[in-house]
Structure formats: C-alpha cells, structure tokens
Amino acid sequence: MHKRDTRNNRTALFDSIEEGGIRASAPYSHEIDEQDNERALEGLQDRVSLLKRLSGDINEEVEGHNLMLDRMGNDMDSSRGVLSGTMDRFKMVFETKSSRRMLTLVASFVVVFLIVYYLTR
C-alpha cells in the first residue's frame, strides 16, 4: 500500500508541472509539500544509483570481452604463423619433388591433424 501512496504522491507532484511552468494543485494551495519532494528526490537517487551500478557492470563486461577478444586475436596470429610455416614446408616439398620427403610430410600432416582433432573433440 505504501508503494501506491508514493506513486499517487509523485503523480500529484508532477501533474502540476505543465508547459515549462509550475501550477500548484488545489490541496497544496500554491506550495509543494516537502515530504513529497523528499520522496521524489529519494526515488530519483535510487534510480541514479541503479543506473550507476548498471553502467559499472556493463563497463566490466565490456572490458572482459575486450580482453578475451585480444587473447583470441593473439591466438589467431600465432596459429596463422604456424600455418604459414606449414604451407612454406609444403611448397618446399612440392618444389623439390622428392617422393620420400613428400610422403613423410603428408604422413606427419595427417598425424598432426588427427592429434588436433582428438584434442579438440
């Protein structure tokens, strides 16, 4: 019941504000009741503190996601380096056309692929 009273008091407080001017409602006879003013102020303070906490939580989430994205980018860069080294080895093998080297390289590539497959599964 207290919440409804507060809402009615706030409504009465802000109903008198129209078009940039303040018109006092009949029960208050040209004055805004100090208690209603305090209640309205407390309500605003609660909202401001809630918004402050929410913005702090959002900030923490954003910083956490930025760190995670940075780490992911670094991991992608390192894997790109590994893959480019592997491609360079493939090019070298295909240029030399040594069947023994090619067989060794293909077999090692298959083994590495299977290891990575089973580790990520």
PDB file of N, CA and C in Angstrom:
ATOM      1  N   MET A   1       0.821  -1.186   0.000  1.00  0.00           N
ATOM      2  CA  MET A   1       0.000   0.000   0.000  1.00  0.00           C
ATOM      3  C   MET A   1       0.869   1.255   0.000  1.00  0.00           C
ATOM      4  N   HIS A   2       2.040   1.188   0.646  1.00  0.00           N
ATOM      5  CA  HIS A   2       2.941   2.333   0.705  1.00  0.00           C
ATOM      6  C   HIS A   2       3.416   2.716  -0.696  1.00  0.00           C
ATOM      7  N   LYS A   3       3.639   1.717  -1.555  1.00  0.00           N
ATOM      8  CA  LYS A   3       4.116   1.981  -2.904  1.00  0.00           C
ATOM      9  C   LYS A   3       3.061   2.744  -3.705  1.00  0.00           C
ATOM     10  N   ARG A   4       1.814   2.374  -3.515  1.00  0.00           N
ATOM     11  CA  ARG A   4       0.735   3.049  -4.225  1.00  0.00           C
ATOM     12  C   ARG A   4       0.613   4.498  -3.750  1.00  0.00           C
ATOM     13  N   ASP A   5       0.760   4.724  -2.427  1.00  0.00           N
ATOM     14  CA  ASP A   5       0.715   6.091  -1.900  1.00  0.00           C
ATOM     15  C   ASP A   5       1.833   6.932  -2.486  1.00  0.00           C
ATOM     16  N   THR A   6       3.010   6.332  -2.565  1.00  0.00           N
ATOM     17  CA  THR A   6       4.151   7.054  -3.121  1.00  0.00           C
ATOM     18  C   THR A   6       3.895   7.406  -4.577  1.00  0.00           C
ATOM     19  N   ARG A   7       3.357   6.439  -5.320  1.00  0.00           N
ATOM     20  CA  ARG A   7       3.059   6.697  -6.729  1.00  0.00           C
ATOM     21  C   ARG A   7       2.023   7.815  -6.864  1.00  0.00           C
ATOM     22  N   ASN A   8       0.975   7.804  -6.021  1.00  0.00           N
ATOM     23  CA  ASN A   8      -0.041   8.850  -6.069  1.00  0.00           C
ATOM     24  C   ASN A   8       0.550  10.206  -5.709  1.00  0.00           C
ATOM     25  N   ASN A   9       1.443  10.206  -4.702  1.00  0.00           N
ATOM     26  CA  ASN A   9       2.076  11.468  -4.317  1.00  0.00           C
ATOM     27  C   ASN A   9       2.965  11.993  -5.440  1.00  0.00           C
ATOM     28  N   ARG A  10       3.706  11.084  -6.088  1.00  0.00           N
ATOM     29  CA  ARG A  10       4.555  11.514  -7.205  1.00  0.00           C
ATOM     30  C   ARG A  10       3.703  12.040  -8.349  1.00  0.00           C
ATOM     31  N   THR A  11       2.607  11.359  -8.606  1.00  0.00           N
ATOM     32  CA  THR A  11       1.714  11.796  -9.665  1.00  0.00           C
ATOM     33  C   THR A  11       1.165  13.178  -9.344  1.00  0.00           C
ATOM     34  N   ALA A  12       0.765  13.372  -8.108  1.00  0.00           N
ATOM     35  CA  ALA A  12       0.248  14.681  -7.704  1.00  0.00           C
ATOM     36  C   ALA A  12       1.339  15.741  -7.798  1.00  0.00           C
ATOM     37  N   LEU A  13       2.560  15.364  -7.488  1.00  0.00           N
ATOM     38  CA  LEU A  13       3.676  16.304  -7.526  1.00  0.00           C
ATOM     39  C   LEU A  13       3.978  16.733  -8.945  1.00  0.00           C
ATOM     40  N   PHE A  14       4.011  15.778  -9.862  1.00  0.00           N
ATOM     41  CA  PHE A  14       4.422  16.095 -11.218  1.00  0.00           C
ATOM     42  C   PHE A  14       3.253  16.453 -12.133  1.00  0.00           C
ATOM     43  N   ASP A  15       2.017  16.254 -11.699  1.00  0.00           N
ATOM     44  CA  ASP A  15       0.869  16.663 -12.502  1.00  0.00           C
ATOM     45  C   ASP A  15       0.771  18.180 -12.611  1.00  0.00           C
ATOM     46  N   SER A  16       1.317  18.858 -11.649  1.00  0.00           N
ATOM     47  CA  SER A  16       1.182  20.310 -11.660  1.00  0.00           C
ATOM     48  C   SER A  16       2.210  20.985 -12.557  1.00  0.00           C
ATOM     49  N   ILE A  17       3.176  20.240 -13.084  1.00  0.00           N
ATOM     50  CA  ILE A  17       4.190  20.823 -13.963  1.00  0.00           C
ATOM     51  C   ILE A  17       3.718  20.659 -15.402  1.00  0.00           C
ATOM     52  N   GLU A  18       3.425  21.772 -16.066  1.00  0.00           N
ATOM     53  CA  GLU A  18       2.966  21.735 -17.448  1.00  0.00           C
ATOM     54  C   GLU A  18       3.562  22.901 -18.211  1.00  0.00           C
ATOM     55  N   GLU A  19       3.988  22.616 -19.432  1.00  0.00           N
ATOM     56  CA  GLU A  19       4.451  23.625 -20.375  1.00  0.00           C
ATOM     57  C   GLU A  19       5.469  24.576 -19.762  1.00  0.00           C
ATOM     58  N   GLY A  20       6.418  24.063 -19.034  1.00  0.00           N
ATOM     59  CA  GLY A  20       7.505  24.870 -18.510  1.00  0.00           C
ATOM     60  C   GLY A  20       7.179  25.656 -17.266  1.00  0.00           C
ATOM     61  N   GLY A  21       5.963  25.697 -16.852  1.00  0.00           N
ATOM     62  CA  GLY A  21       5.599  26.440 -15.651  1.00  0.00           C
ATOM     63  C   GLY A  21       5.075  25.517 -14.586  1.00  0.00           C
ATOM     64  N   ILE A  22       5.043  25.956 -13.351  1.00  0.00           N
ATOM     65  CA  ILE A  22       4.538  25.146 -12.250  1.00  0.00           C
ATOM     66  C   ILE A  22       3.206  25.732 -11.812  1.00  0.00           C
ATOM     67  N   ARG A  23       2.204  24.872 -11.816  1.00  0.00           N
ATOM     68  CA  ARG A  23       0.900  25.256 -11.294  1.00  0.00           C
ATOM     69  C   ARG A  23       0.620  24.403 -10.073  1.00  0.00           C
ATOM     70  N   ALA A  24       0.328  24.978  -8.979  1.00  0.00           N
ATOM     71  CA  ALA A  24       0.069  24.228  -7.748  1.00  0.00           C
ATOM     72  C   ALA A  24      -1.306  23.591  -7.825  1.00  0.00           C
ATOM     73  N   SER A  25      -1.398  22.344  -7.317  1.00  0.00           N
ATOM     74  CA  SER A  25      -2.696  21.676  -7.275  1.00  0.00           C
ATOM     75  C   SER A  25      -3.482  22.188  -6.071  1.00  0.00           C
ATOM     76  N   ALA A  26      -4.744  21.959  -6.091  1.00  0.00           N
ATOM     77  CA  ALA A  26      -5.652  22.526  -5.095  1.00  0.00           C
ATOM     78  C   ALA A  26      -5.298  22.157  -3.659  1.00  0.00           C
ATOM     79  N   PRO A  27      -4.994  20.888  -3.319  1.00  0.00           N
ATOM     80  CA  PRO A  27      -4.745  20.570  -1.916  1.00  0.00           C
ATOM     81  C   PRO A  27      -3.487  21.228  -1.351  1.00  0.00           C
ATOM     82  N   TYR A  28      -2.594  21.626  -2.173  1.00  0.00           N
ATOM     83  CA  TYR A  28      -1.337  22.184  -1.668  1.00  0.00           C
ATOM     84  C   TYR A  28      -1.351  23.709  -1.602  1.00  0.00           C
ATOM     85  N   SER A  29      -2.335  24.322  -2.165  1.00  0.00           N
ATOM     86  CA  SER A  29      -2.518  25.775  -2.139  1.00  0.00           C
ATOM     87  C   SER A  29      -1.214  26.517  -2.421  1.00  0.00           C
ATOM     88  N   HIS A  30      -0.749  26.371  -3.640  1.00  0.00           N
ATOM     89  CA  HIS A  30       0.411  27.091  -4.182  1.00  0.00           C
ATOM     90  C   HIS A  30       1.749  26.676  -3.570  1.00  0.00           C
ATOM     91  N   GLU A  31       1.842  25.590  -2.871  1.00  0.00           N
ATOM     92  CA  GLU A  31       3.128  25.106  -2.355  1.00  0.00           C
ATOM     93  C   GLU A  31       3.225  23.600  -2.573  1.00  0.00           C
ATOM     94  N   ILE A  32       4.426  23.136  -2.857  1.00  0.00           N
ATOM     95  CA  ILE A  32       4.646  21.688  -2.985  1.00  0.00           C
ATOM     96  C   ILE A  32       5.046  21.175  -1.621  1.00  0.00           C
ATOM     97  N   ASP A  33       4.377  20.116  -1.204  1.00  0.00           N
ATOM     98  CA  ASP A  33       4.638  19.543   0.110  1.00  0.00           C
ATOM     99  C   ASP A  33       6.079  19.034   0.183  1.00  0.00           C
ATOM    100  N   GLU A  34       6.779  19.341   1.252  1.00  0.00           N
ATOM    101  CA  GLU A  34       8.193  18.976   1.429  1.00  0.00           C
ATOM    102  C   GLU A  34       8.387  17.456   1.477  1.00  0.00           C
ATOM    103  N   GLN A  35       7.452  16.746   2.077  1.00  0.00           N
ATOM    104  CA  GLN A  35       7.582  15.278   2.140  1.00  0.00           C
ATOM    105  C   GLN A  35       7.503  14.663   0.748  1.00  0.00           C
ATOM    106  N   ASP A  36       6.600  15.150  -0.066  1.00  0.00           N
ATOM    107  CA  ASP A  36       6.501  14.649  -1.432  1.00  0.00           C
ATOM    108  C   ASP A  36       7.779  14.951  -2.207  1.00  0.00           C
ATOM    109  N   ASN A  37       8.315  16.112  -1.958  1.00  0.00           N
ATOM    110  CA  ASN A  37       9.571  16.493  -2.593  1.00  0.00           C
ATOM    111  C   ASN A  37      10.691  15.531  -2.184  1.00  0.00           C
ATOM    112  N   GLU A  38      10.760  15.217  -0.901  1.00  0.00           N
ATOM    113  CA  GLU A  38      11.781  14.294  -0.398  1.00  0.00           C
ATOM    114  C   GLU A  38      11.610  12.900  -0.984  1.00  0.00           C
ATOM    115  N   ARG A  39      10.370  12.449  -1.052  1.00  0.00           N
ATOM    116  CA  ARG A  39      10.108  11.118  -1.631  1.00  0.00           C
ATOM    117  C   ARG A  39      10.515  11.079  -3.097  1.00  0.00           C
ATOM    118  N   ALA A  40      10.182  12.125  -3.811  1.00  0.00           N
ATOM    119  CA  ALA A  40      10.554  12.191  -5.224  1.00  0.00           C
ATOM    120  C   ALA A  40      12.074  12.207  -5.367  1.00  0.00           C
ATOM    121  N   LEU A  41      12.746  12.939  -4.497  1.00  0.00           N
ATOM    122  CA  LEU A  41      14.207  13.006  -4.519  1.00  0.00           C
ATOM    123  C   LEU A  41      14.826  11.649  -4.207  1.00  0.00           C
ATOM    124  N   GLU A  42      14.268  10.941  -3.222  1.00  0.00           N
ATOM    125  CA  GLU A  42      14.773   9.609  -2.888  1.00  0.00           C
ATOM    126  C   GLU A  42      14.579   8.645  -4.055  1.00  0.00           C
ATOM    127  N   GLY A  43      13.440   8.754  -4.704  1.00  0.00           N
ATOM    128  CA  GLY A  43      13.185   7.911  -5.879  1.00  0.00           C
ATOM    129  C   GLY A  43      14.191   8.179  -6.984  1.00  0.00           C
ATOM    130  N   LEU A  44      14.496   9.439  -7.204  1.00  0.00           N
ATOM    131  CA  LEU A  44      15.490   9.790  -8.211  1.00  0.00           C
ATOM    132  C   LEU A  44      16.875   9.299  -7.807  1.00  0.00           C
ATOM    133  N   GLN A  45      17.205   9.419  -6.532  1.00  0.00           N
ATOM    134  CA  GLN A  45      18.508   8.939  -6.065  1.00  0.00           C
ATOM    135  C   GLN A  45      18.627   7.431  -6.241  1.00  0.00           C
ATOM    136  N   ASP A  46      17.540   6.710  -5.957  1.00  0.00           N
ATOM    137  CA  ASP A  46      17.555   5.252  -6.165  1.00  0.00           C
ATOM    138  C   ASP A  46      17.781   4.911  -7.628  1.00  0.00           C
ATOM    139  N   ARG A  47      17.106   5.627  -8.503  1.00  0.00           N
ATOM    140  CA  ARG A  47      17.271   5.380  -9.938  1.00  0.00           C
ATOM    141  C   ARG A  47      18.684   5.685 -10.395  1.00  0.00           C
ATOM    142  N   VAL A  48      19.229   6.790  -9.905  1.00  0.00           N
ATOM    143  CA  VAL A  48      20.592   7.167 -10.292  1.00  0.00           C
ATOM    144  C   VAL A  48      21.588   6.125  -9.800  1.00  0.00           C
ATOM    145  N   SER A  49      21.436   5.652  -8.566  1.00  0.00           N
ATOM    146  CA  SER A  49      22.376   4.644  -8.059  1.00  0.00           C
ATOM    147  C   SER A  49      22.226   3.328  -8.822  1.00  0.00           C
ATOM    148  N   LEU A  50      21.003   2.968  -9.201  1.00  0.00           N
ATOM    149  CA  LEU A  50      20.795   1.764 -10.004  1.00  0.00           C
ATOM    150  C   LEU A  50      21.463   1.897 -11.362  1.00  0.00           C
ATOM    151  N   LEU A  51      21.281   3.043 -11.993  1.00  0.00           N
ATOM    152  CA  LEU A  51      21.914   3.277 -13.290  1.00  0.00           C
ATOM    153  C   LEU A  51      23.438   3.273 -13.178  1.00  0.00           C
ATOM    154  N   LYS A  52      23.945   3.811 -12.065  1.00  0.00           N
ATOM    155  CA  LYS A  52      25.395   3.823 -11.856  1.00  0.00           C
ATOM    156  C   LYS A  52      25.928   2.400 -11.724  1.00  0.00           C
ATOM    157  N   ARG A  53      25.223   1.556 -10.959  1.00  0.00           N
ATOM    158  CA  ARG A  53      25.649   0.154 -10.815  1.00  0.00           C
ATOM    159  C   ARG A  53      25.571  -0.580 -12.142  1.00  0.00           C
ATOM    160  N   LEU A  54      24.484  -0.336 -12.882  1.00  0.00           N
ATOM    161  CA  LEU A  54      24.337  -0.990 -14.183  1.00  0.00           C
ATOM    162  C   LEU A  54      25.438  -0.577 -15.142  1.00  0.00           C
ATOM    163  N   SER A  55      25.756   0.712 -15.168  1.00  0.00           N
ATOM    164  CA  SER A  55      26.816   1.163 -16.072  1.00  0.00           C
ATOM    165  C   SER A  55      28.170   0.602 -15.644  1.00  0.00           C
ATOM    166  N   GLY A  56      28.403   0.455 -14.345  1.00  0.00           N
ATOM    167  CA  GLY A  56      29.638  -0.176 -13.877  1.00  0.00           C
ATOM    168  C   GLY A  56      29.711  -1.634 -14.293  1.00  0.00           C
ATOM    169  N   ASP A  57      28.592  -2.350 -14.179  1.00  0.00           N
ATOM    170  CA  ASP A  57      28.551  -3.754 -14.609  1.00  0.00           C
ATOM    171  C   ASP A  57      28.779  -3.875 -16.111  1.00  0.00           C
ATOM    172  N   ILE A  58      28.169  -2.986 -16.870  1.00  0.00           N
ATOM    173  CA  ILE A  58      28.356  -3.002 -18.322  1.00  0.00           C
ATOM    174  C   ILE A  58      29.821  -2.734 -18.656  1.00  0.00           C
ATOM    175  N   ASN A  59      30.427  -1.794 -17.953  1.00  0.00           N
ATOM    176  CA  ASN A  59      31.835  -1.472 -18.183  1.00  0.00           C
ATOM    177  C   ASN A  59      32.719  -2.685 -17.914  1.00  0.00           C
ATOM    178  N   GLU A  60      32.462  -3.400 -16.820  1.00  0.00           N
ATOM    179  CA  GLU A  60      33.244  -4.593 -16.506  1.00  0.00           C
ATOM    180  C   GLU A  60      33.079  -5.664 -17.583  1.00  0.00           C
ATOM    181  N   GLU A  61      31.851  -5.850 -18.060  1.00  0.00           N
ATOM    182  CA  GLU A  61      31.605  -6.836 -19.117  1.00  0.00           C
ATOM    183  C   GLU A  61      32.348  -6.464 -20.388  1.00  0.00           C
ATOM    184  N   VAL A  62      32.302  -5.183 -20.754  1.00  0.00           N
ATOM    185  CA  VAL A  62      32.972  -4.737 -21.969  1.00  0.00           C
ATOM    186  C   VAL A  62      34.477  -4.948 -21.851  1.00  0.00           C
ATOM    187  N   GLU A  63      35.063  -4.608 -20.700  1.00  0.00           N
ATOM    188  CA  GLU A  63      36.499  -4.804 -20.510  1.00  0.00           C
ATOM    189  C   GLU A  63      36.858  -6.283 -20.576  1.00  0.00           C
ATOM    190  N   GLY A  64      36.031  -7.135 -19.969  1.00  0.00           N
ATOM    191  CA  GLY A  64      36.280  -8.575 -20.021  1.00  0.00           C
ATOM    192  C   GLY A  64      36.223  -9.109 -21.446  1.00  0.00           C
ATOM    193  N   HIS A  65      35.223  -8.646 -22.203  1.00  0.00           N
ATOM    194  CA  HIS A  65      35.113  -9.097 -23.589  1.00  0.00           C
ATOM    195  C   HIS A  65      36.264  -8.576 -24.430  1.00  0.00           C
ATOM    196  N   ASN A  66      36.703  -7.348 -24.176  1.00  0.00           N
ATOM    197  CA  ASN A  66      37.850  -6.813 -24.916  1.00  0.00           C
ATOM    198  C   ASN A  66      39.106  -7.634 -24.654  1.00  0.00           C
ATOM    199  N   LEU A  67      39.331  -8.014 -23.395  1.00  0.00           N
ATOM    200  CA  LEU A  67      40.489  -8.856 -23.084  1.00  0.00           C
ATOM    201  C   LEU A  67      40.387 -10.205 -23.789  1.00  0.00           C
ATOM    202  N   MET A  68      39.193 -10.791 -23.772  1.00  0.00           N
ATOM    203  CA  MET A  68      39.002 -12.083 -24.423  1.00  0.00           C
ATOM    204  C   MET A  68      39.247 -11.969 -25.932  1.00  0.00           C
ATOM    205  N   LEU A  69      38.771 -10.893 -26.552  1.00  0.00           N
ATOM    206  CA  LEU A  69      38.985 -10.691 -27.978  1.00  0.00           C
ATOM    207  C   LEU A  69      40.459 -10.462 -28.296  1.00  0.00           C
ATOM    208  N   ASP A  70      41.173  -9.740 -27.420  1.00  0.00           N
ATOM    209  CA  ASP A  70      42.607  -9.538 -27.618  1.00  0.00           C
ATOM    210  C   ASP A  70      43.352 -10.866 -27.580  1.00  0.00           C
ATOM    211  N   ARG A  71      43.010 -11.697 -26.573  1.00  0.00           N
ATOM    212  CA  ARG A  71      43.653 -13.014 -26.476  1.00  0.00           C
ATOM    213  C   ARG A  71      43.336 -13.864 -27.701  1.00  0.00           C
ATOM    214  N   MET A  72      42.079 -13.803 -28.147  1.00  0.00           N
ATOM    215  CA  MET A  72      41.693 -14.578 -29.324  1.00  0.00           C
ATOM    216  C   MET A  72      42.461 -14.100 -30.556  1.00  0.00           C
ATOM    217  N   GLY A  73      42.624 -12.797 -30.683  1.00  0.00           N
ATOM    218  CA  GLY A  73      43.392 -12.245 -31.803  1.00  0.00           C
ATOM    219  C   GLY A  73      44.837 -12.694 -31.761  1.00  0.00           C
ATOM    220  N   ASN A  74      45.427 -12.696 -30.564  1.00  0.00           N
ATOM    221  CA  ASN A  74      46.813 -13.158 -30.434  1.00  0.00           C
ATOM    222  C   ASN A  74      46.931 -14.637 -30.784  1.00  0.00           C
ATOM    223  N   ASP A  75      45.956 -15.431 -30.344  1.00  0.00           N
ATOM    224  CA  ASP A  75      45.968 -16.857 -30.668  1.00  0.00           C
ATOM    225  C   ASP A  75      45.830 -17.068 -32.181  1.00  0.00           C
ATOM    226  N   MET A  76      44.979 -16.274 -32.808  1.00  0.00           N
ATOM    227  CA  MET A  76      44.815 -16.400 -34.259  1.00  0.00           C
ATOM    228  C   MET A  76      46.105 -16.011 -34.979  1.00  0.00           C
ATOM    229  N   ASP A  77      46.775 -14.975 -34.501  1.00  0.00           N
ATOM    230  CA  ASP A  77      48.039 -14.573 -35.113  1.00  0.00           C
ATOM    231  C   ASP A  77      49.084 -15.680 -34.990  1.00  0.00           C
ATOM    232  N   SER A  78      49.167 -16.309 -33.811  1.00  0.00           N
ATOM    233  CA  SER A  78      50.157 -17.372 -33.638  1.00  0.00           C
ATOM    234  C   SER A  78      49.808 -18.584 -34.486  1.00  0.00           C
ATOM    235  N   SER A  79      48.519 -18.918 -34.593  1.00  0.00           N
ATOM    236  CA  SER A  79      48.145 -20.059 -35.435  1.00  0.00           C
ATOM    237  C   SER A  79      48.369 -19.735 -36.905  1.00  0.00           C
ATOM    238  N   ARG A  80      48.183 -18.473 -37.278  1.00  0.00           N
ATOM    239  CA  ARG A  80      48.464 -18.068 -38.658  1.00  0.00           C
ATOM    240  C   ARG A  80      49.943 -18.271 -38.962  1.00  0.00           C
ATOM    241  N   GLY A  81      50.806 -17.951 -37.990  1.00  0.00           N
ATOM    242  CA  GLY A  81      52.242 -18.160 -38.181  1.00  0.00           C
ATOM    243  C   GLY A  81      52.577 -19.633 -38.357  1.00  0.00           C
ATOM    244  N   VAL A  82      51.951 -20.484 -37.544  1.00  0.00           N
ATOM    245  CA  VAL A  82      52.189 -21.923 -37.652  1.00  0.00           C
ATOM    246  C   VAL A  82      51.714 -22.437 -39.001  1.00  0.00           C
ATOM    247  N   LEU A  83      50.532 -22.014 -39.427  1.00  0.00           N
ATOM    248  CA  LEU A  83      50.008 -22.464 -40.716  1.00  0.00           C
ATOM    249  C   LEU A  83      50.841 -21.960 -41.883  1.00  0.00           C
ATOM    250  N   SER A  84      51.334 -20.739 -41.800  1.00  0.00           N
ATOM    251  CA  SER A  84      52.161 -20.228 -42.897  1.00  0.00           C
ATOM    252  C   SER A  84      53.473 -21.004 -42.962  1.00  0.00           C
ATOM    253  N   GLY A  85      54.029 -21.384 -41.813  1.00  0.00           N
ATOM    254  CA  GLY A  85      55.238 -22.215 -41.810  1.00  0.00           C
ATOM    255  C   GLY A  85      54.969 -23.575 -42.439  1.00  0.00           C
ATOM    256  N   THR A  86      53.823 -24.145 -42.146  1.00  0.00           N
ATOM    257  CA  THR A  86      53.452 -25.441 -42.722  1.00  0.00           C
ATOM    258  C   THR A  86      53.292 -25.321 -44.233  1.00  0.00           C
ATOM    259  N   MET A  87      52.662 -24.251 -44.676  1.00  0.00           N
ATOM    260  CA  MET A  87      52.489 -24.051 -46.115  1.00  0.00           C
ATOM    261  C   MET A  87      53.835 -23.857 -46.805  1.00  0.00           C
ATOM    262  N   ASP A  88      54.749 -23.161 -46.150  1.00  0.00           N
ATOM    263  CA  ASP A  88      56.088 -22.993 -46.714  1.00  0.00           C
ATOM    264  C   ASP A  88      56.775 -24.350 -46.873  1.00  0.00           C
ATOM    265  N   ARG A  89      56.606 -25.225 -45.894  1.00  0.00           N
ATOM    266  CA  ARG A  89      57.198 -26.564 -45.981  1.00  0.00           C
ATOM    267  C   ARG A  89      56.576 -27.365 -47.126  1.00  0.00           C
ATOM    268  N   PHE A  90      55.248 -27.231 -47.278  1.00  0.00           N
ATOM    269  CA  PHE A  90      54.591 -27.922 -48.393  1.00  0.00           C
ATOM    270  C   PHE A  90      55.147 -27.439 -49.729  1.00  0.00           C
ATOM    271  N   LYS A  91      55.304 -26.118 -49.856  1.00  0.00           N
ATOM    272  CA  LYS A  91      55.839 -25.569 -51.095  1.00  0.00           C
ATOM    273  C   LYS A  91      57.229 -26.110 -51.362  1.00  0.00           C
ATOM    274  N   MET A  92      58.047 -26.156 -50.311  1.00  0.00           N
ATOM    275  CA  MET A  92      59.411 -26.646 -50.460  1.00  0.00           C
ATOM    276  C   MET A  92      59.405 -28.110 -50.915  1.00  0.00           C
ATOM    277  N   VAL A  93      58.540 -28.908 -50.321  1.00  0.00           N
ATOM    278  CA  VAL A  93      58.467 -30.326 -50.682  1.00  0.00           C
ATOM    279  C   VAL A  93      58.015 -30.490 -52.119  1.00  0.00           C
ATOM    280  N   PHE A  94      57.001 -29.743 -52.539  1.00  0.00           N
ATOM    281  CA  PHE A  94      56.498 -29.893 -53.898  1.00  0.00           C
ATOM    282  C   PHE A  94      57.489 -29.367 -54.924  1.00  0.00           C
ATOM    283  N   GLU A  95      58.306 -28.392 -54.533  1.00  0.00           N
ATOM    284  CA  GLU A  95      59.306 -27.874 -55.460  1.00  0.00           C
ATOM    285  C   GLU A  95      60.442 -28.871 -55.654  1.00  0.00           C
ATOM    286  N   THR A  96      60.842 -29.546 -54.608  1.00  0.00           N
ATOM    287  CA  THR A  96      61.952 -30.500 -54.722  1.00  0.00           C
ATOM    288  C   THR A  96      61.499 -31.805 -55.355  1.00  0.00           C
ATOM    289  N   LYS A  97      60.224 -32.121 -55.272  1.00  0.00           N
ATOM    290  CA  LYS A  97      59.633 -33.320 -55.861  1.00  0.00           C
ATOM    291  C   LYS A  97      60.315 -34.600 -55.377  1.00  0.00           C
ATOM    292  N   SER A  98      60.741 -34.588 -54.180  1.00  0.00           N
ATOM    293  CA  SER A  98      61.305 -35.797 -53.601  1.00  0.00           C
ATOM    294  C   SER A  98      60.149 -36.610 -53.045  1.00  0.00           C
ATOM    295  N   SER A  99      59.938 -37.800 -53.537  1.00  0.00           N
ATOM    296  CA  SER A  99      58.790 -38.605 -53.128  1.00  0.00           C
ATOM    297  C   SER A  99      58.900 -39.027 -51.668  1.00  0.00           C
ATOM    298  N   ARG A 100      60.095 -39.287 -51.209  1.00  0.00           N
ATOM    299  CA  ARG A 100      60.272 -39.696 -49.818  1.00  0.00           C
ATOM    300  C   ARG A 100      59.918 -38.545 -48.870  1.00  0.00           C
ATOM    301  N   ARG A 101      60.379 -37.344 -49.182  1.00  0.00           N
ATOM    302  CA  ARG A 101      60.055 -36.169 -48.353  1.00  0.00           C
ATOM    303  C   ARG A 101      58.555 -35.882 -48.384  1.00  0.00           C
ATOM    304  N   MET A 102      57.962 -36.004 -49.556  1.00  0.00           N
ATOM    305  CA  MET A 102      56.542 -35.726 -49.686  1.00  0.00           C
ATOM    306  C   MET A 102      55.735 -36.716 -48.857  1.00  0.00           C
ATOM    307  N   LEU A 103      56.100 -37.971 -48.914  1.00  0.00           N
ATOM    308  CA  LEU A 103      55.407 -38.980 -48.133  1.00  0.00           C
ATOM    309  C   LEU A 103      55.546 -38.703 -46.636  1.00  0.00           C
ATOM    310  N   THR A 104      56.739 -38.336 -46.199  1.00  0.00           N
ATOM    311  CA  THR A 104      56.975 -38.012 -44.791  1.00  0.00           C
ATOM    312  C   THR A 104      56.154 -36.798 -44.372  1.00  0.00           C
ATOM    313  N   LEU A 105      56.134 -35.792 -45.224  1.00  0.00           N
ATOM    314  CA  LEU A 105      55.388 -34.573 -44.897  1.00  0.00           C
ATOM    315  C   LEU A 105      53.888 -34.848 -44.827  1.00  0.00           C
ATOM    316  N   VAL A 106      53.353 -35.561 -45.787  1.00  0.00           N
ATOM    317  CA  VAL A 106      51.927 -35.862 -45.793  1.00  0.00           C
ATOM    318  C   VAL A 106      51.563 -36.708 -44.584  1.00  0.00           C
ATOM    319  N   ALA A 107      52.384 -37.701 -44.271  1.00  0.00           N
ATOM    320  CA  ALA A 107      52.112 -38.556 -43.112  1.00  0.00           C
ATOM    321  C   ALA A 107      52.155 -37.741 -41.825  1.00  0.00           C
ATOM    322  N   SER A 108      53.145 -36.854 -41.686  1.00  0.00           N
ATOM    323  CA  SER A 108      53.224 -36.039 -40.465  1.00  0.00           C
ATOM    324  C   SER A 108      52.040 -35.078 -40.387  1.00  0.00           C
ATOM    325  N   PHE A 109      51.625 -34.551 -41.527  1.00  0.00           N
ATOM    326  CA  PHE A 109      50.465 -33.665 -41.535  1.00  0.00           C
ATOM    327  C   PHE A 109      49.209 -34.409 -41.093  1.00  0.00           C
ATOM    328  N   VAL A 110      49.014 -35.610 -41.561  1.00  0.00           N
ATOM    329  CA  VAL A 110      47.854 -36.414 -41.169  1.00  0.00           C
ATOM    330  C   VAL A 110      47.900 -36.721 -39.680  1.00  0.00           C
ATOM    331  N   VAL A 111      49.068 -37.066 -39.159  1.00  0.00           N
ATOM    332  CA  VAL A 111      49.211 -37.368 -37.732  1.00  0.00           C
ATOM    333  C   VAL A 111      48.891 -36.126 -36.906  1.00  0.00           C
ATOM    334  N   VAL A 112      49.434 -34.984 -37.287  1.00  0.00           N
ATOM    335  CA  VAL A 112      49.170 -33.738 -36.552  1.00  0.00           C
ATOM    336  C   VAL A 112      47.684 -33.406 -36.618  1.00  0.00           C
ATOM    337  N   PHE A 113      47.066 -33.583 -37.772  1.00  0.00           N
ATOM    338  CA  PHE A 113      45.643 -33.308 -37.914  1.00  0.00           C
ATOM    339  C   PHE A 113      44.823 -34.215 -36.995  1.00  0.00           C
ATOM    340  N   LEU A 114      45.145 -35.482 -36.939  1.00  0.00           N
ATOM    341  CA  LEU A 114      44.417 -36.402 -36.080  1.00  0.00           C
ATOM    342  C   LEU A 114      44.601 -36.062 -34.601  1.00  0.00           C
ATOM    343  N   ILE A 115      45.805 -35.683 -34.215  1.00  0.00           N
ATOM    344  CA  ILE A 115      46.063 -35.298 -32.823  1.00  0.00           C
ATOM    345  C   ILE A 115      45.221 -34.073 -32.463  1.00  0.00           C
ATOM    346  N   VAL A 116      45.244 -33.067 -33.324  1.00  0.00           N
ATOM    347  CA  VAL A 116      44.468 -31.853 -33.064  1.00  0.00           C
ATOM    348  C   VAL A 116      42.974 -32.176 -33.039  1.00  0.00           C
ATOM    349  N   TYR A 117      42.539 -33.048 -33.933  1.00  0.00           N
ATOM    350  CA  TYR A 117      41.132 -33.434 -33.970  1.00  0.00           C
ATOM    351  C   TYR A 117      40.695 -34.092 -32.662  1.00  0.00           C
ATOM    352  N   TYR A 118      41.482 -35.037 -32.169  1.00  0.00           N
ATOM    353  CA  TYR A 118      41.113 -35.727 -30.938  1.00  0.00           C
ATOM    354  C   TYR A 118      41.258 -34.840 -29.702  1.00  0.00           C
ATOM    355  N   LEU A 119      42.184 -33.907 -29.725  1.00  0.00           N
ATOM    356  CA  LEU A 119      42.324 -32.990 -28.582  1.00  0.00           C
ATOM    357  C   LEU A 119      41.169 -31.980 -28.503  1.00  0.00           C
ATOM    358  N   THR A 120      40.656 -31.578 -29.642  1.00  0.00           N
ATOM    359  CA  THR A 120      39.568 -30.591 -29.633  1.00  0.00           C
ATOM    360  C   THR A 120      38.200 -31.238 -29.509  1.00  0.00           C
ATOM    361  N   ARG A 121      38.109 -32.519 -29.628  1.00  0.00           N
ATOM    362  CA  ARG A 121      36.835 -33.222 -29.509  1.00  0.00           C
ATOM    363  C   ARG A 121      36.374 -33.351 -28.149  1.00  0.00           C
TER     364      ARG A 121
END
